[in-house]
Amino acid sequence: MTTLAQAQAKLAEYQAAETRILEAQEVRAQSGGVDHWEKQTELALVQKGIAQWQRTVDTLSASAAGVGNFGGLSYSTANFGNSSSRFS
């Protein structure tokens, strides 16, 4: 099972890769490079990985904080206190 620290490290790696790809695209766009399509494909794959790892980090963070998660949505349960009601 992946730990929160491992997921955060992977997310950081993917974000760094995205930055490198974007910086390389800027240089190639200025020089009229022919590998623009390949870089767009790489960028799409890296961005997909970022989304995946961000979801993993969010889920593990919520779990560590004691927040419930169901289908990617976080939730909390109501605590109505003791059995006596102020409405009785």
PDB file of N, CA and C in Angstrom:
ATOM      1  N   MET A   1       0.832  -1.175   0.000  1.00  0.00           N
ATOM      2  CA  MET A   1       0.000   0.000   0.000  1.00  0.00           C
ATOM      3  C   MET A   1       0.883   1.246   0.000  1.00  0.00           C
ATOM      4  N   THR A   2       0.452   2.237  -0.713  1.00  0.00           N
ATOM      5  CA  THR A   2       1.193   3.485  -0.818  1.00  0.00           C
ATOM      6  C   THR A   2       0.964   4.348   0.421  1.00  0.00           C
ATOM      7  N   THR A   3       2.048   4.901   0.939  1.00  0.00           N
ATOM      8  CA  THR A   3       1.919   5.808   2.078  1.00  0.00           C
ATOM      9  C   THR A   3       1.687   7.226   1.573  1.00  0.00           C
ATOM     10  N   LEU A   4       1.252   8.100   2.466  1.00  0.00           N
ATOM     11  CA  LEU A   4       1.038   9.495   2.105  1.00  0.00           C
ATOM     12  C   LEU A   4       2.345  10.124   1.626  1.00  0.00           C
ATOM     13  N   ALA A   5       3.442   9.841   2.299  1.00  0.00           N
ATOM     14  CA  ALA A   5       4.741  10.401   1.914  1.00  0.00           C
ATOM     15  C   ALA A   5       5.151   9.940   0.520  1.00  0.00           C
ATOM     16  N   GLN A   6       4.919   8.666   0.219  1.00  0.00           N
ATOM     17  CA  GLN A   6       5.251   8.148  -1.111  1.00  0.00           C
ATOM     18  C   GLN A   6       4.384   8.814  -2.183  1.00  0.00           C
ATOM     19  N   ALA A   7       3.101   8.972  -1.898  1.00  0.00           N
ATOM     20  CA  ALA A   7       2.191   9.606  -2.859  1.00  0.00           C
ATOM     21  C   ALA A   7       2.579  11.059  -3.087  1.00  0.00           C
ATOM     22  N   GLN A   8       2.940  11.755  -2.026  1.00  0.00           N
ATOM     23  CA  GLN A   8       3.361  13.150  -2.165  1.00  0.00           C
ATOM     24  C   GLN A   8       4.646  13.259  -2.981  1.00  0.00           C
ATOM     25  N   ALA A   9       5.566  12.311  -2.791  1.00  0.00           N
ATOM     26  CA  ALA A   9       6.811  12.310  -3.558  1.00  0.00           C
ATOM     27  C   ALA A   9       6.536  12.067  -5.040  1.00  0.00           C
ATOM     28  N   LYS A  10       5.658  11.117  -5.343  1.00  0.00           N
ATOM     29  CA  LYS A  10       5.304  10.837  -6.736  1.00  0.00           C
ATOM     30  C   LYS A  10       4.627  12.045  -7.376  1.00  0.00           C
ATOM     31  N   LEU A  11       3.728  12.682  -6.626  1.00  0.00           N
ATOM     32  CA  LEU A  11       3.051  13.873  -7.142  1.00  0.00           C
ATOM     33  C   LEU A  11       4.073  14.952  -7.472  1.00  0.00           C
ATOM     34  N   ALA A  12       5.034  15.157  -6.598  1.00  0.00           N
ATOM     35  CA  ALA A  12       6.084  16.155  -6.837  1.00  0.00           C
ATOM     36  C   ALA A  12       6.914  15.800  -8.072  1.00  0.00           C
ATOM     37  N   GLU A  13       7.209  14.517  -8.268  1.00  0.00           N
ATOM     38  CA  GLU A  13       7.959  14.076  -9.451  1.00  0.00           C
ATOM     39  C   GLU A  13       7.183  14.381 -10.734  1.00  0.00           C
ATOM     40  N   TYR A  14       5.894  14.081 -10.726  1.00  0.00           N
ATOM     41  CA  TYR A  14       5.070  14.338 -11.905  1.00  0.00           C
ATOM     42  C   TYR A  14       4.946  15.836 -12.172  1.00  0.00           C
ATOM     43  N   GLN A  15       4.833  16.635 -11.122  1.00  0.00           N
ATOM     44  CA  GLN A  15       4.747  18.082 -11.302  1.00  0.00           C
ATOM     45  C   GLN A  15       6.048  18.641 -11.865  1.00  0.00           C
ATOM     46  N   ALA A  16       7.178  18.098 -11.416  1.00  0.00           N
ATOM     47  CA  ALA A  16       8.476  18.521 -11.944  1.00  0.00           C
ATOM     48  C   ALA A  16       8.605  18.125 -13.416  1.00  0.00           C
ATOM     49  N   ALA A  17       8.118  16.943 -13.760  1.00  0.00           N
ATOM     50  CA  ALA A  17       8.154  16.496 -15.158  1.00  0.00           C
ATOM     51  C   ALA A  17       7.296  17.413 -16.020  1.00  0.00           C
ATOM     52  N   GLU A  18       6.133  17.806 -15.516  1.00  0.00           N
ATOM     53  CA  GLU A  18       5.260  18.709 -16.267  1.00  0.00           C
ATOM     54  C   GLU A  18       5.988  20.027 -16.543  1.00  0.00           C
ATOM     55  N   THR A  19       6.663  20.546 -15.535  1.00  0.00           N
ATOM     56  CA  THR A  19       7.408  21.800 -15.695  1.00  0.00           C
ATOM     57  C   THR A  19       8.490  21.661 -16.757  1.00  0.00           C
ATOM     58  N   ARG A  20       9.227  20.541 -16.714  1.00  0.00           N
ATOM     59  CA  ARG A  20      10.287  20.321 -17.715  1.00  0.00           C
ATOM     60  C   ARG A  20       9.712  20.250 -19.123  1.00  0.00           C
ATOM     61  N   ILE A  21       8.590  19.565 -19.288  1.00  0.00           N
ATOM     62  CA  ILE A  21       7.963  19.443 -20.607  1.00  0.00           C
ATOM     63  C   ILE A  21       7.508  20.809 -21.094  1.00  0.00           C
ATOM     64  N   LEU A  22       6.874  21.580 -20.227  1.00  0.00           N
ATOM     65  CA  LEU A  22       6.394  22.907 -20.622  1.00  0.00           C
ATOM     66  C   LEU A  22       7.550  23.829 -20.982  1.00  0.00           C
ATOM     67  N   GLU A  23       8.634  23.768 -20.229  1.00  0.00           N
ATOM     68  CA  GLU A  23       9.799  24.591 -20.538  1.00  0.00           C
ATOM     69  C   GLU A  23      10.412  24.171 -21.872  1.00  0.00           C
ATOM     70  N   ALA A  24      10.462  22.878 -22.143  1.00  0.00           N
ATOM     71  CA  ALA A  24      11.004  22.385 -23.411  1.00  0.00           C
ATOM     72  C   ALA A  24      10.114  22.813 -24.573  1.00  0.00           C
ATOM     73  N   GLN A  25       8.808  22.828 -24.365  1.00  0.00           N
ATOM     74  CA  GLN A  25       7.896  23.246 -25.425  1.00  0.00           C
ATOM     75  C   GLN A  25       8.107  24.711 -25.775  1.00  0.00           C
ATOM     76  N   GLU A  26       8.365  25.538 -24.777  1.00  0.00           N
ATOM     77  CA  GLU A  26       8.591  26.958 -25.032  1.00  0.00           C
ATOM     78  C   GLU A  26       9.812  27.154 -25.922  1.00  0.00           C
ATOM     79  N   VAL A  27      10.879  26.428 -25.632  1.00  0.00           N
ATOM     80  CA  VAL A  27      12.102  26.537 -26.429  1.00  0.00           C
ATOM     81  C   VAL A  27      11.845  26.054 -27.853  1.00  0.00           C
ATOM     82  N   ARG A  28      11.157  24.918 -28.011  1.00  0.00           N
ATOM     83  CA  ARG A  28      10.905  24.371 -29.329  1.00  0.00           C
ATOM     84  C   ARG A  28       9.922  25.226 -30.128  1.00  0.00           C
ATOM     85  N   ALA A  29       8.979  25.844 -29.434  1.00  0.00           N
ATOM     86  CA  ALA A  29       8.033  26.706 -30.128  1.00  0.00           C
ATOM     87  C   ALA A  29       8.756  27.908 -30.726  1.00  0.00           C
ATOM     88  N   GLN A  30       9.756  28.389 -30.045  1.00  0.00           N
ATOM     89  CA  GLN A  30      10.522  29.530 -30.541  1.00  0.00           C
ATOM     90  C   GLN A  30      11.433  29.131 -31.685  1.00  0.00           C
ATOM     91  N   SER A  31      11.867  27.880 -31.704  1.00  0.00           N
ATOM     92  CA  SER A  31      12.782  27.439 -32.753  1.00  0.00           C
ATOM     93  C   SER A  31      12.068  26.680 -33.864  1.00  0.00           C
ATOM     94  N   GLY A  32      10.747  26.512 -33.754  1.00  0.00           N
ATOM     95  CA  GLY A  32       9.996  25.820 -34.798  1.00  0.00           C
ATOM     96  C   GLY A  32      10.248  24.325 -34.825  1.00  0.00           C
ATOM     97  N   GLY A  33      10.386  23.706 -33.666  1.00  0.00           N
ATOM     98  CA  GLY A  33      10.676  22.273 -33.578  1.00  0.00           C
ATOM     99  C   GLY A  33       9.561  21.422 -34.156  1.00  0.00           C
ATOM    100  N   VAL A  34       9.890  20.196 -34.573  1.00  0.00           N
ATOM    101  CA  VAL A  34       8.920  19.295 -35.205  1.00  0.00           C
ATOM    102  C   VAL A  34       8.342  18.270 -34.235  1.00  0.00           C
ATOM    103  N   ASP A  35       8.814  18.277 -33.004  1.00  0.00           N
ATOM    104  CA  ASP A  35       8.359  17.270 -32.056  1.00  0.00           C
ATOM    105  C   ASP A  35       7.254  17.794 -31.130  1.00  0.00           C
ATOM    106  N   HIS A  36       6.541  18.792 -31.577  1.00  0.00           N
ATOM    107  CA  HIS A  36       5.468  19.382 -30.779  1.00  0.00           C
ATOM    108  C   HIS A  36       4.404  18.347 -30.410  1.00  0.00           C
ATOM    109  N   TRP A  37       4.011  17.503 -31.343  1.00  0.00           N
ATOM    110  CA  TRP A  37       2.988  16.492 -31.090  1.00  0.00           C
ATOM    111  C   TRP A  37       3.438  15.522 -30.008  1.00  0.00           C
ATOM    112  N   GLU A  38       4.690  15.101 -30.087  1.00  0.00           N
ATOM    113  CA  GLU A  38       5.209  14.169 -29.088  1.00  0.00           C
ATOM    114  C   GLU A  38       5.208  14.796 -27.702  1.00  0.00           C
ATOM    115  N   LYS A  39       5.568  16.044 -27.606  1.00  0.00           N
ATOM    116  CA  LYS A  39       5.582  16.723 -26.308  1.00  0.00           C
ATOM    117  C   LYS A  39       4.164  16.886 -25.770  1.00  0.00           C
ATOM    118  N   GLN A  40       3.188  17.136 -26.652  1.00  0.00           N
ATOM    119  CA  GLN A  40       1.804  17.258 -26.204  1.00  0.00           C
ATOM    120  C   GLN A  40       1.326  15.919 -25.642  1.00  0.00           C
ATOM    121  N   THR A  41       1.719  14.822 -26.285  1.00  0.00           N
ATOM    122  CA  THR A  41       1.339  13.492 -25.800  1.00  0.00           C
ATOM    123  C   THR A  41       1.971  13.229 -24.447  1.00  0.00           C
ATOM    124  N   GLU A  42       3.256  13.548 -24.309  1.00  0.00           N
ATOM    125  CA  GLU A  42       3.937  13.372 -23.027  1.00  0.00           C
ATOM    126  C   GLU A  42       3.270  14.226 -21.958  1.00  0.00           C
ATOM    127  N   LEU A  43       2.935  15.465 -22.307  1.00  0.00           N
ATOM    128  CA  LEU A  43       2.312  16.363 -21.353  1.00  0.00           C
ATOM    129  C   LEU A  43       0.968  15.806 -20.891  1.00  0.00           C
ATOM    130  N   ALA A  44       0.174  15.299 -21.818  1.00  0.00           N
ATOM    131  CA  ALA A  44      -1.130  14.736 -21.458  1.00  0.00           C
ATOM    132  C   ALA A  44      -0.973  13.551 -20.499  1.00  0.00           C
ATOM    133  N   LEU A  45      -0.001  12.706 -20.755  1.00  0.00           N
ATOM    134  CA  LEU A  45       0.232  11.553 -19.875  1.00  0.00           C
ATOM    135  C   LEU A  45       0.694  11.989 -18.488  1.00  0.00           C
ATOM    136  N   VAL A  46       1.571  12.969 -18.453  1.00  0.00           N
ATOM    137  CA  VAL A  46       2.066  13.458 -17.164  1.00  0.00           C
ATOM    138  C   VAL A  46       0.934  14.124 -16.390  1.00  0.00           C
ATOM    139  N   GLN A  47       0.100  14.901 -17.074  1.00  0.00           N
ATOM    140  CA  GLN A  47      -1.012  15.562 -16.393  1.00  0.00           C
ATOM    141  C   GLN A  47      -2.031  14.545 -15.876  1.00  0.00           C
ATOM    142  N   LYS A  48      -2.195  13.471 -16.594  1.00  0.00           N
ATOM    143  CA  LYS A  48      -3.065  12.384 -16.118  1.00  0.00           C
ATOM    144  C   LYS A  48      -2.473  11.776 -14.843  1.00  0.00           C
ATOM    145  N   GLY A  49      -1.166  11.585 -14.829  1.00  0.00           N
ATOM    146  CA  GLY A  49      -0.488  11.071 -13.642  1.00  0.00           C
ATOM    147  C   GLY A  49      -0.604  12.026 -12.467  1.00  0.00           C
ATOM    148  N   ILE A  50      -0.515  13.324 -12.736  1.00  0.00           N
ATOM    149  CA  ILE A  50      -0.664  14.324 -11.679  1.00  0.00           C
ATOM    150  C   ILE A  50      -2.048  14.212 -11.059  1.00  0.00           C
ATOM    151  N   ALA A  51      -3.066  14.107 -11.895  1.00  0.00           N
ATOM    152  CA  ALA A  51      -4.438  13.994 -11.386  1.00  0.00           C
ATOM    153  C   ALA A  51      -4.597  12.737 -10.532  1.00  0.00           C
ATOM    154  N   GLN A  52      -4.018  11.632 -11.001  1.00  0.00           N
ATOM    155  CA  GLN A  52      -4.107  10.368 -10.260  1.00  0.00           C
ATOM    156  C   GLN A  52      -3.420  10.486  -8.899  1.00  0.00           C
ATOM    157  N   TRP A  53      -2.204  11.009  -8.886  1.00  0.00           N
ATOM    158  CA  TRP A  53      -1.469  11.110  -7.628  1.00  0.00           C
ATOM    159  C   TRP A  53      -2.085  12.152  -6.698  1.00  0.00           C
ATOM    160  N   GLN A  54      -2.687  13.206  -7.265  1.00  0.00           N
ATOM    161  CA  GLN A  54      -3.351  14.199  -6.429  1.00  0.00           C
ATOM    162  C   GLN A  54      -4.544  13.571  -5.714  1.00  0.00           C
ATOM    163  N   ARG A  55      -5.297  12.725  -6.434  1.00  0.00           N
ATOM    164  CA  ARG A  55      -6.420  12.021  -5.807  1.00  0.00           C
ATOM    165  C   ARG A  55      -5.923  11.102  -4.688  1.00  0.00           C
ATOM    166  N   THR A  56      -4.815  10.418  -4.940  1.00  0.00           N
ATOM    167  CA  THR A  56      -4.254   9.515  -3.927  1.00  0.00           C
ATOM    168  C   THR A  56      -3.822  10.311  -2.698  1.00  0.00           C
ATOM    169  N   VAL A  57      -3.130  11.427  -2.914  1.00  0.00           N
ATOM    170  CA  VAL A  57      -2.695  12.275  -1.799  1.00  0.00           C
ATOM    171  C   VAL A  57      -3.906  12.783  -1.028  1.00  0.00           C
ATOM    172  N   ASP A  58      -4.925  13.250  -1.743  1.00  0.00           N
ATOM    173  CA  ASP A  58      -6.134  13.765  -1.088  1.00  0.00           C
ATOM    174  C   ASP A  58      -6.811  12.680  -0.245  1.00  0.00           C
ATOM    175  N   THR A  59      -6.921  11.483  -0.804  1.00  0.00           N
ATOM    176  CA  THR A  59      -7.563  10.374  -0.088  1.00  0.00           C
ATOM    177  C   THR A  59      -6.773   9.994   1.153  1.00  0.00           C
ATOM    178  N   LEU A  60      -5.455   9.869   1.013  1.00  0.00           N
ATOM    179  CA  LEU A  60      -4.620   9.495   2.150  1.00  0.00           C
ATOM    180  C   LEU A  60      -4.583  10.602   3.199  1.00  0.00           C
ATOM    181  N   SER A  61      -4.586  11.853   2.768  1.00  0.00           N
ATOM    182  CA  SER A  61      -4.600  12.981   3.703  1.00  0.00           C
ATOM    183  C   SER A  61      -5.904  12.997   4.495  1.00  0.00           C
ATOM    184  N   ALA A  62      -7.008  12.782   3.793  1.00  0.00           N
ATOM    185  CA  ALA A  62      -8.305  12.765   4.458  1.00  0.00           C
ATOM    186  C   ALA A  62      -8.380  11.613   5.456  1.00  0.00           C
ATOM    187  N   SER A  63      -7.850  10.478   5.056  1.00  0.00           N
ATOM    188  CA  SER A  63      -7.853   9.313   5.938  1.00  0.00           C
ATOM    189  C   SER A  63      -7.028   9.588   7.192  1.00  0.00           C
ATOM    190  N   ALA A  64      -5.871  10.217   7.003  1.00  0.00           N
ATOM    191  CA  ALA A  64      -5.006  10.528   8.141  1.00  0.00           C
ATOM    192  C   ALA A  64      -5.658  11.548   9.070  1.00  0.00           C
ATOM    193  N   ALA A  65      -6.499  12.410   8.499  1.00  0.00           N
ATOM    194  CA  ALA A  65      -7.172  13.434   9.302  1.00  0.00           C
ATOM    195  C   ALA A  65      -8.465  12.921   9.915  1.00  0.00           C
ATOM    196  N   GLY A  66      -8.823  11.680   9.578  1.00  0.00           N
ATOM    197  CA  GLY A  66     -10.038  11.099  10.126  1.00  0.00           C
ATOM    198  C   GLY A  66     -11.303  11.514   9.400  1.00  0.00           C
ATOM    199  N   VAL A  67     -11.157  12.041   8.189  1.00  0.00           N
ATOM    200  CA  VAL A  67     -12.313  12.443   7.385  1.00  0.00           C
ATOM    201  C   VAL A  67     -12.690  11.272   6.497  1.00  0.00           C
ATOM    202  N   GLY A  68     -13.957  10.918   6.475  1.00  0.00           N
ATOM    203  CA  GLY A  68     -14.410   9.804   5.652  1.00  0.00           C
ATOM    204  C   GLY A  68     -14.332  10.127   4.171  1.00  0.00           C
ATOM    205  N   ASN A  69     -14.272   9.098   3.347  1.00  0.00           N
ATOM    206  CA  ASN A  69     -14.204   9.264   1.904  1.00  0.00           C
ATOM    207  C   ASN A  69     -15.021   8.155   1.258  1.00  0.00           C
ATOM    208  N   PHE A  70     -15.910   8.536   0.370  1.00  0.00           N
ATOM    209  CA  PHE A  70     -16.742   7.566  -0.336  1.00  0.00           C
ATOM    210  C   PHE A  70     -16.791   7.952  -1.804  1.00  0.00           C
ATOM    211  N   GLY A  71     -16.213   7.125  -2.657  1.00  0.00           N
ATOM    212  CA  GLY A  71     -16.216   7.421  -4.089  1.00  0.00           C
ATOM    213  C   GLY A  71     -15.500   8.710  -4.440  1.00  0.00           C
ATOM    214  N   GLY A  72     -14.462   9.058  -3.676  1.00  0.00           N
ATOM    215  CA  GLY A  72     -13.724  10.271  -3.955  1.00  0.00           C
ATOM    216  C   GLY A  72     -14.299  11.511  -3.290  1.00  0.00           C
ATOM    217  N   LEU A  73     -15.444  11.379  -2.659  1.00  0.00           N
ATOM    218  CA  LEU A  73     -16.064  12.503  -1.970  1.00  0.00           C
ATOM    219  C   LEU A  73     -15.869  12.350  -0.468  1.00  0.00           C
ATOM    220  N   SER A  74     -15.433  13.415   0.170  1.00  0.00           N
ATOM    221  CA  SER A  74     -15.246  13.325   1.612  1.00  0.00           C
ATOM    222  C   SER A  74     -16.555  13.637   2.310  1.00  0.00           C
ATOM    223  N   TYR A  75     -16.690  13.109   3.488  1.00  0.00           N
ATOM    224  CA  TYR A  75     -17.902  13.322   4.266  1.00  0.00           C
ATOM    225  C   TYR A  75     -17.567  13.271   5.745  1.00  0.00           C
ATOM    226  N   SER A  76     -18.451  13.749   6.545  1.00  0.00           N
ATOM    227  CA  SER A  76     -18.325  13.595   7.984  1.00  0.00           C
ATOM    228  C   SER A  76     -19.690  13.182   8.519  1.00  0.00           C
ATOM    229  N   THR A  77     -19.674  12.591   9.674  1.00  0.00           N
ATOM    230  CA  THR A  77     -20.936  12.155  10.262  1.00  0.00           C
ATOM    231  C   THR A  77     -21.358  13.139  11.335  1.00  0.00           C
ATOM    232  N   ALA A  78     -22.650  13.298  11.464  1.00  0.00           N
ATOM    233  CA  ALA A  78     -23.188  14.214  12.463  1.00  0.00           C
ATOM    234  C   ALA A  78     -23.095  13.592  13.848  1.00  0.00           C
ATOM    235  N   ASN A  79     -22.818  14.409  14.821  1.00  0.00           N
ATOM    236  CA  ASN A  79     -22.809  13.976  16.215  1.00  0.00           C
ATOM    237  C   ASN A  79     -23.816  14.851  16.943  1.00  0.00           C
ATOM    238  N   PHE A  80     -24.925  14.268  17.301  1.00  0.00           N
ATOM    239  CA  PHE A  80     -25.989  15.024  17.938  1.00  0.00           C
ATOM    240  C   PHE A  80     -25.869  15.033  19.455  1.00  0.00           C
ATOM    241  N   GLY A  81     -24.729  14.675  19.963  1.00  0.00           N
ATOM    242  CA  GLY A  81     -24.483  14.729  21.389  1.00  0.00           C
ATOM    243  C   GLY A  81     -25.184  13.627  22.147  1.00  0.00           C
ATOM    244  N   ASN A  82     -25.642  13.952  23.354  1.00  0.00           N
ATOM    245  CA  ASN A  82     -26.268  12.932  24.191  1.00  0.00           C
ATOM    246  C   ASN A  82     -27.709  12.677  23.750  1.00  0.00           C
ATOM    247  N   SER A  83     -28.347  11.734  24.394  1.00  0.00           N
ATOM    248  CA  SER A  83     -29.669  11.298  23.981  1.00  0.00           C
ATOM    249  C   SER A  83     -30.770  12.294  24.316  1.00  0.00           C
ATOM    250  N   SER A  84     -30.508  13.217  25.220  1.00  0.00           N
ATOM    251  CA  SER A  84     -31.557  14.193  25.527  1.00  0.00           C
ATOM    252  C   SER A  84     -31.601  15.259  24.452  1.00  0.00           C
ATOM    253  N   SER A  85     -32.775  15.662  24.122  1.00  0.00           N
ATOM    254  CA  SER A  85     -32.961  16.624  23.052  1.00  0.00           C
ATOM    255  C   SER A  85     -33.488  17.918  23.607  1.00  0.00           C
ATOM    256  N   ARG A  86     -33.017  19.011  23.079  1.00  0.00           N
ATOM    257  CA  ARG A  86     -33.506  20.302  23.545  1.00  0.00           C
ATOM    258  C   ARG A  86     -34.876  20.608  22.953  1.00  0.00           C
ATOM    259  N   PHE A  87     -35.332  19.751  22.019  1.00  0.00           N
ATOM    260  CA  PHE A  87     -36.630  19.958  21.383  1.00  0.00           C
ATOM    261  C   PHE A  87     -37.755  19.151  22.051  1.00  0.00           C
ATOM    262  N   SER A  88     -37.493  18.409  23.137  1.00  0.00           N
ATOM    263  CA  SER A  88     -38.531  17.622  23.763  1.00  0.00           C
ATOM    264  C   SER A  88     -39.372  18.445  24.706  1.00  0.00           C
TER     265      SER A  88
END
